[in-house]
Amino acid sequence: CRLRSLLLRVKDLGLGYDSEETILFKYCSGTCPRARTNHDLTLSLLLQKSEIPAWGEEKMVGDPCCRPTHYEDVAFLDNSHQWHEVEKLSASACSCVG
């Protein structure tokens, strides 16, 4: 699990901004080790025994995934020469979140 980056045009971010400026978009990617706590083991057993109802497609037991733990804001100039700041757009730190 680590921080990666791509150089992208602002208009290609999918946020509706008309701008040819490029930004460095950082994101988290990679695998996380499977960690089974005592809580996970007990919850899994209770679900198997039907002691706890499983609610539809809700996933109660799962592996950790690589996610941003901190973000940074990004500022840019649009094609009409107006500044915009988008909060929490780019990841600045990653970790395995379970």
N, C-alpha and C. Protein backbone atom coordinates (compact mmCIF):
# COMPACT_ATOMS: atom_id res chain seq x y z
N CYS A 1 0.86 -1.17 0.00
CA CYS A 1 0.00 0.00 0.00
C CYS A 1 0.90 1.23 0.00
N ARG A 2 0.78 2.02 -1.06
CA ARG A 2 1.64 3.20 -1.12
C ARG A 2 0.99 4.31 -1.93
N LEU A 3 1.56 5.50 -1.80
CA LEU A 3 1.10 6.69 -2.52
C LEU A 3 1.65 6.67 -3.93
N ARG A 4 0.79 6.88 -4.90
CA ARG A 4 1.18 6.94 -6.31
C ARG A 4 0.67 8.26 -6.87
N SER A 5 1.12 8.63 -8.06
CA SER A 5 0.68 9.91 -8.62
C SER A 5 0.55 9.84 -10.14
N LEU A 6 -0.32 10.71 -10.64
CA LEU A 6 -0.57 10.86 -12.08
C LEU A 6 -0.64 12.35 -12.39
N LEU A 7 -0.10 12.75 -13.52
CA LEU A 7 -0.24 14.11 -13.99
C LEU A 7 -1.49 14.15 -14.87
N LEU A 8 -2.50 14.93 -14.45
CA LEU A 8 -3.79 14.98 -15.15
C LEU A 8 -4.21 16.41 -15.44
N ARG A 9 -4.98 16.57 -16.52
CA ARG A 9 -5.61 17.87 -16.77
C ARG A 9 -6.81 17.99 -15.83
N VAL A 10 -7.03 19.20 -15.33
CA VAL A 10 -8.13 19.43 -14.40
C VAL A 10 -9.46 19.03 -15.04
N LYS A 11 -9.64 19.31 -16.32
CA LYS A 11 -10.93 18.99 -16.96
C LYS A 11 -11.16 17.48 -17.05
N ASP A 12 -10.10 16.68 -16.88
CA ASP A 12 -10.25 15.22 -16.93
C ASP A 12 -10.50 14.59 -15.56
N LEU A 13 -10.65 15.42 -14.52
CA LEU A 13 -10.90 14.90 -13.18
C LEU A 13 -12.35 14.44 -12.98
N GLY A 14 -13.25 14.90 -13.84
CA GLY A 14 -14.65 14.52 -13.71
C GLY A 14 -15.42 15.36 -12.70
N LEU A 15 -14.90 16.54 -12.37
CA LEU A 15 -15.56 17.40 -11.39
C LEU A 15 -16.26 18.60 -12.02
N GLY A 16 -16.24 18.68 -13.35
CA GLY A 16 -16.97 19.73 -14.06
C GLY A 16 -16.22 21.03 -14.27
N TYR A 17 -14.92 21.08 -13.98
CA TYR A 17 -14.15 22.30 -14.18
C TYR A 17 -13.60 22.35 -15.60
N ASP A 18 -13.72 23.53 -16.23
CA ASP A 18 -13.20 23.73 -17.57
C ASP A 18 -11.82 24.37 -17.44
N SER A 19 -10.80 23.53 -17.44
CA SER A 19 -9.45 24.03 -17.26
C SER A 19 -8.46 23.10 -17.95
N GLU A 20 -7.53 23.70 -18.64
CA GLU A 20 -6.47 22.94 -19.30
C GLU A 20 -5.26 22.74 -18.39
N GLU A 21 -5.29 23.35 -17.20
CA GLU A 21 -4.16 23.20 -16.28
C GLU A 21 -3.97 21.75 -15.90
N THR A 22 -2.73 21.39 -15.61
CA THR A 22 -2.45 20.04 -15.14
C THR A 22 -2.09 20.09 -13.66
N ILE A 23 -2.47 19.03 -12.97
CA ILE A 23 -2.14 18.90 -11.55
C ILE A 23 -1.56 17.51 -11.31
N LEU A 24 -0.87 17.37 -10.22
CA LEU A 24 -0.38 16.08 -9.81
C LEU A 24 -1.42 15.48 -8.88
N PHE A 25 -2.15 14.48 -9.36
CA PHE A 25 -3.19 13.80 -8.59
C PHE A 25 -2.56 12.60 -7.91
N LYS A 26 -2.61 12.58 -6.58
CA LYS A 26 -2.02 11.47 -5.81
C LYS A 26 -3.12 10.57 -5.27
N TYR A 27 -2.89 9.27 -5.33
CA TYR A 27 -3.87 8.29 -4.88
C TYR A 27 -3.17 7.11 -4.21
N CYS A 28 -3.92 6.28 -3.55
CA CYS A 28 -3.38 5.13 -2.84
C CYS A 28 -3.69 3.86 -3.61
N SER A 29 -2.70 2.98 -3.66
CA SER A 29 -2.87 1.73 -4.39
C SER A 29 -1.94 0.67 -3.81
N GLY A 30 -2.37 -0.56 -3.89
CA GLY A 30 -1.54 -1.67 -3.43
C GLY A 30 -2.32 -2.61 -2.54
N THR A 31 -1.65 -3.65 -2.13
CA THR A 31 -2.31 -4.66 -1.29
C THR A 31 -2.00 -4.43 0.18
N CYS A 32 -2.86 -5.00 0.99
CA CYS A 32 -2.69 -4.91 2.44
C CYS A 32 -2.69 -6.32 3.01
N PRO A 33 -1.85 -6.55 4.01
CA PRO A 33 -1.84 -7.88 4.61
C PRO A 33 -3.16 -8.18 5.30
N ARG A 34 -3.56 -9.40 5.22
CA ARG A 34 -4.80 -9.81 5.87
C ARG A 34 -4.55 -9.92 7.37
N ALA A 35 -5.30 -9.18 8.13
CA ALA A 35 -5.13 -9.19 9.58
C ALA A 35 -6.44 -9.61 10.23
N ARG A 36 -6.41 -10.71 10.90
CA ARG A 36 -7.61 -11.20 11.57
C ARG A 36 -7.45 -10.98 13.08
N THR A 37 -8.26 -10.08 13.61
CA THR A 37 -8.24 -9.83 15.05
C THR A 37 -9.18 -10.81 15.75
N ASN A 38 -9.13 -10.85 17.04
CA ASN A 38 -10.06 -11.68 17.80
C ASN A 38 -11.50 -11.26 17.53
N HIS A 39 -11.71 -9.96 17.35
CA HIS A 39 -13.05 -9.46 17.01
C HIS A 39 -13.52 -10.07 15.69
N ASP A 40 -12.65 -10.06 14.66
CA ASP A 40 -13.00 -10.62 13.35
C ASP A 40 -13.34 -12.10 13.46
N LEU A 41 -12.54 -12.85 14.21
CA LEU A 41 -12.77 -14.29 14.36
C LEU A 41 -14.10 -14.57 15.05
N THR A 42 -14.39 -13.83 16.12
CA THR A 42 -15.65 -14.03 16.85
C THR A 42 -16.84 -13.62 16.00
N LEU A 43 -16.74 -12.50 15.31
CA LEU A 43 -17.84 -12.03 14.46
C LEU A 43 -18.12 -13.04 13.35
N SER A 44 -17.09 -13.57 12.74
CA SER A 44 -17.25 -14.58 11.70
C SER A 44 -17.97 -15.81 12.23
N LEU A 45 -17.58 -16.27 13.40
CA LEU A 45 -18.22 -17.44 14.01
C LEU A 45 -19.69 -17.17 14.31
N LEU A 46 -20.00 -16.00 14.88
CA LEU A 46 -21.39 -15.65 15.20
C LEU A 46 -22.25 -15.53 13.95
N LEU A 47 -21.68 -15.03 12.87
CA LEU A 47 -22.42 -14.96 11.60
C LEU A 47 -22.70 -16.35 11.05
N GLN A 48 -21.72 -17.24 11.15
CA GLN A 48 -21.91 -18.62 10.68
C GLN A 48 -23.00 -19.34 11.48
N LYS A 49 -23.06 -19.07 12.78
CA LYS A 49 -24.05 -19.71 13.66
C LYS A 49 -25.40 -19.02 13.60
N SER A 50 -25.51 -17.95 12.84
CA SER A 50 -26.73 -17.15 12.72
C SER A 50 -27.12 -16.49 14.03
N GLU A 51 -26.15 -16.24 14.90
CA GLU A 51 -26.40 -15.51 16.15
C GLU A 51 -26.62 -14.03 15.84
N ILE A 52 -26.00 -13.55 14.77
CA ILE A 52 -26.14 -12.17 14.32
C ILE A 52 -26.71 -12.21 12.91
N PRO A 53 -27.82 -11.50 12.67
CA PRO A 53 -28.39 -11.51 11.32
C PRO A 53 -27.48 -10.81 10.31
N ALA A 54 -27.31 -11.41 9.15
CA ALA A 54 -26.57 -10.77 8.05
C ALA A 54 -27.58 -9.94 7.27
N TRP A 55 -27.35 -8.65 7.16
CA TRP A 55 -28.30 -7.73 6.54
C TRP A 55 -28.03 -7.60 5.05
N GLY A 56 -28.72 -8.37 4.25
CA GLY A 56 -28.62 -8.26 2.79
C GLY A 56 -27.21 -8.42 2.29
N GLU A 57 -26.75 -7.41 1.54
CA GLU A 57 -25.42 -7.44 0.93
C GLU A 57 -24.35 -6.79 1.81
N GLU A 58 -24.73 -6.39 3.01
CA GLU A 58 -23.78 -5.72 3.91
C GLU A 58 -22.62 -6.64 4.26
N LYS A 59 -21.44 -6.14 4.06
CA LYS A 59 -20.24 -6.93 4.33
C LYS A 59 -19.73 -6.58 5.72
N MET A 60 -19.79 -7.53 6.64
CA MET A 60 -19.39 -7.26 8.02
C MET A 60 -17.96 -7.69 8.30
N VAL A 61 -17.45 -8.65 7.58
CA VAL A 61 -16.09 -9.12 7.79
C VAL A 61 -15.34 -8.95 6.49
N GLY A 62 -14.22 -8.25 6.53
CA GLY A 62 -13.49 -8.04 5.29
C GLY A 62 -12.02 -7.79 5.53
N ASP A 63 -11.29 -7.84 4.48
CA ASP A 63 -9.86 -7.59 4.54
C ASP A 63 -9.60 -6.09 4.54
N PRO A 64 -8.48 -5.67 5.10
CA PRO A 64 -8.13 -4.25 5.05
C PRO A 64 -7.87 -3.80 3.61
N CYS A 65 -8.14 -2.55 3.33
CA CYS A 65 -7.88 -2.04 1.99
C CYS A 65 -7.01 -0.78 2.08
N CYS A 66 -6.32 -0.49 1.01
CA CYS A 66 -5.40 0.64 0.92
C CYS A 66 -6.22 1.91 0.65
N ARG A 67 -6.21 2.83 1.61
CA ARG A 67 -7.03 4.05 1.50
C ARG A 67 -6.23 5.28 1.95
N PRO A 68 -6.61 6.46 1.46
CA PRO A 68 -5.97 7.68 1.94
C PRO A 68 -6.29 7.91 3.42
N THR A 69 -5.30 8.35 4.18
CA THR A 69 -5.52 8.72 5.58
C THR A 69 -5.42 10.24 5.76
N HIS A 70 -4.82 10.92 4.81
CA HIS A 70 -4.75 12.38 4.80
C HIS A 70 -4.88 12.86 3.35
N TYR A 71 -5.42 14.06 3.20
CA TYR A 71 -5.62 14.65 1.88
C TYR A 71 -4.99 16.03 1.82
N GLU A 72 -4.82 16.53 0.59
CA GLU A 72 -4.39 17.91 0.40
C GLU A 72 -5.33 18.59 -0.58
N ASP A 73 -5.47 19.89 -0.42
CA ASP A 73 -6.29 20.69 -1.33
C ASP A 73 -5.48 21.00 -2.58
N VAL A 74 -6.19 21.25 -3.69
CA VAL A 74 -5.54 21.58 -4.95
C VAL A 74 -6.17 22.86 -5.49
N ALA A 75 -5.32 23.81 -5.90
CA ALA A 75 -5.78 25.07 -6.48
C ALA A 75 -5.34 25.13 -7.94
N PHE A 76 -6.19 25.74 -8.77
CA PHE A 76 -5.88 25.85 -10.20
C PHE A 76 -6.66 27.02 -10.80
N LEU A 77 -6.24 27.41 -11.98
CA LEU A 77 -6.86 28.49 -12.74
C LEU A 77 -7.70 27.86 -13.86
N ASP A 78 -8.97 28.28 -13.98
CA ASP A 78 -9.79 27.72 -15.05
C ASP A 78 -9.58 28.50 -16.35
N ASN A 79 -10.27 28.10 -17.41
CA ASN A 79 -10.10 28.75 -18.72
C ASN A 79 -10.65 30.17 -18.77
N SER A 80 -11.44 30.57 -17.75
CA SER A 80 -11.95 31.94 -17.65
C SER A 80 -11.09 32.78 -16.71
N HIS A 81 -9.93 32.28 -16.36
CA HIS A 81 -8.96 32.97 -15.50
C HIS A 81 -9.47 33.21 -14.09
N GLN A 82 -10.22 32.25 -13.56
CA GLN A 82 -10.71 32.31 -12.19
C GLN A 82 -10.05 31.18 -11.39
N TRP A 83 -9.65 31.51 -10.16
CA TRP A 83 -9.02 30.51 -9.30
C TRP A 83 -10.07 29.65 -8.62
N HIS A 84 -9.76 28.37 -8.47
CA HIS A 84 -10.61 27.43 -7.75
C HIS A 84 -9.73 26.63 -6.81
N GLU A 85 -10.28 26.31 -5.66
CA GLU A 85 -9.59 25.42 -4.74
C GLU A 85 -10.52 24.26 -4.42
N VAL A 86 -10.05 23.05 -4.64
CA VAL A 86 -10.85 21.86 -4.38
C VAL A 86 -10.27 21.18 -3.13
N GLU A 87 -11.11 21.06 -2.11
CA GLU A 87 -10.67 20.47 -0.85
C GLU A 87 -10.56 18.96 -0.94
N LYS A 88 -9.58 18.44 -0.25
CA LYS A 88 -9.38 16.99 -0.12
C LYS A 88 -9.42 16.25 -1.46
N LEU A 89 -8.75 16.78 -2.45
CA LEU A 89 -8.77 16.16 -3.77
C LEU A 89 -7.69 15.10 -3.92
N SER A 90 -6.51 15.38 -3.41
CA SER A 90 -5.37 14.52 -3.64
C SER A 90 -4.93 13.89 -2.32
N ALA A 91 -4.62 12.61 -2.37
CA ALA A 91 -4.14 11.92 -1.16
C ALA A 91 -2.75 12.43 -0.80
N SER A 92 -2.44 12.47 0.48
CA SER A 92 -1.09 12.84 0.91
C SER A 92 -0.45 11.76 1.79
N ALA A 93 -1.26 10.79 2.22
CA ALA A 93 -0.75 9.66 3.01
C ALA A 93 -1.70 8.48 2.84
N CYS A 94 -1.16 7.27 2.90
CA CYS A 94 -1.96 6.06 2.72
C CYS A 94 -1.70 5.09 3.86
N SER A 95 -2.71 4.24 4.10
CA SER A 95 -2.55 3.18 5.09
C SER A 95 -3.56 2.08 4.81
N CYS A 96 -3.31 0.91 5.38
CA CYS A 96 -4.26 -0.19 5.28
C CYS A 96 -5.34 0.02 6.32
N VAL A 97 -6.57 0.17 5.85
CA VAL A 97 -7.72 0.45 6.73
C VAL A 97 -8.62 -0.77 6.71
N GLY A 98 -8.99 -1.20 7.88
CA GLY A 98 -9.84 -2.38 7.99
C GLY A 98 -11.11 -2.03 8.57
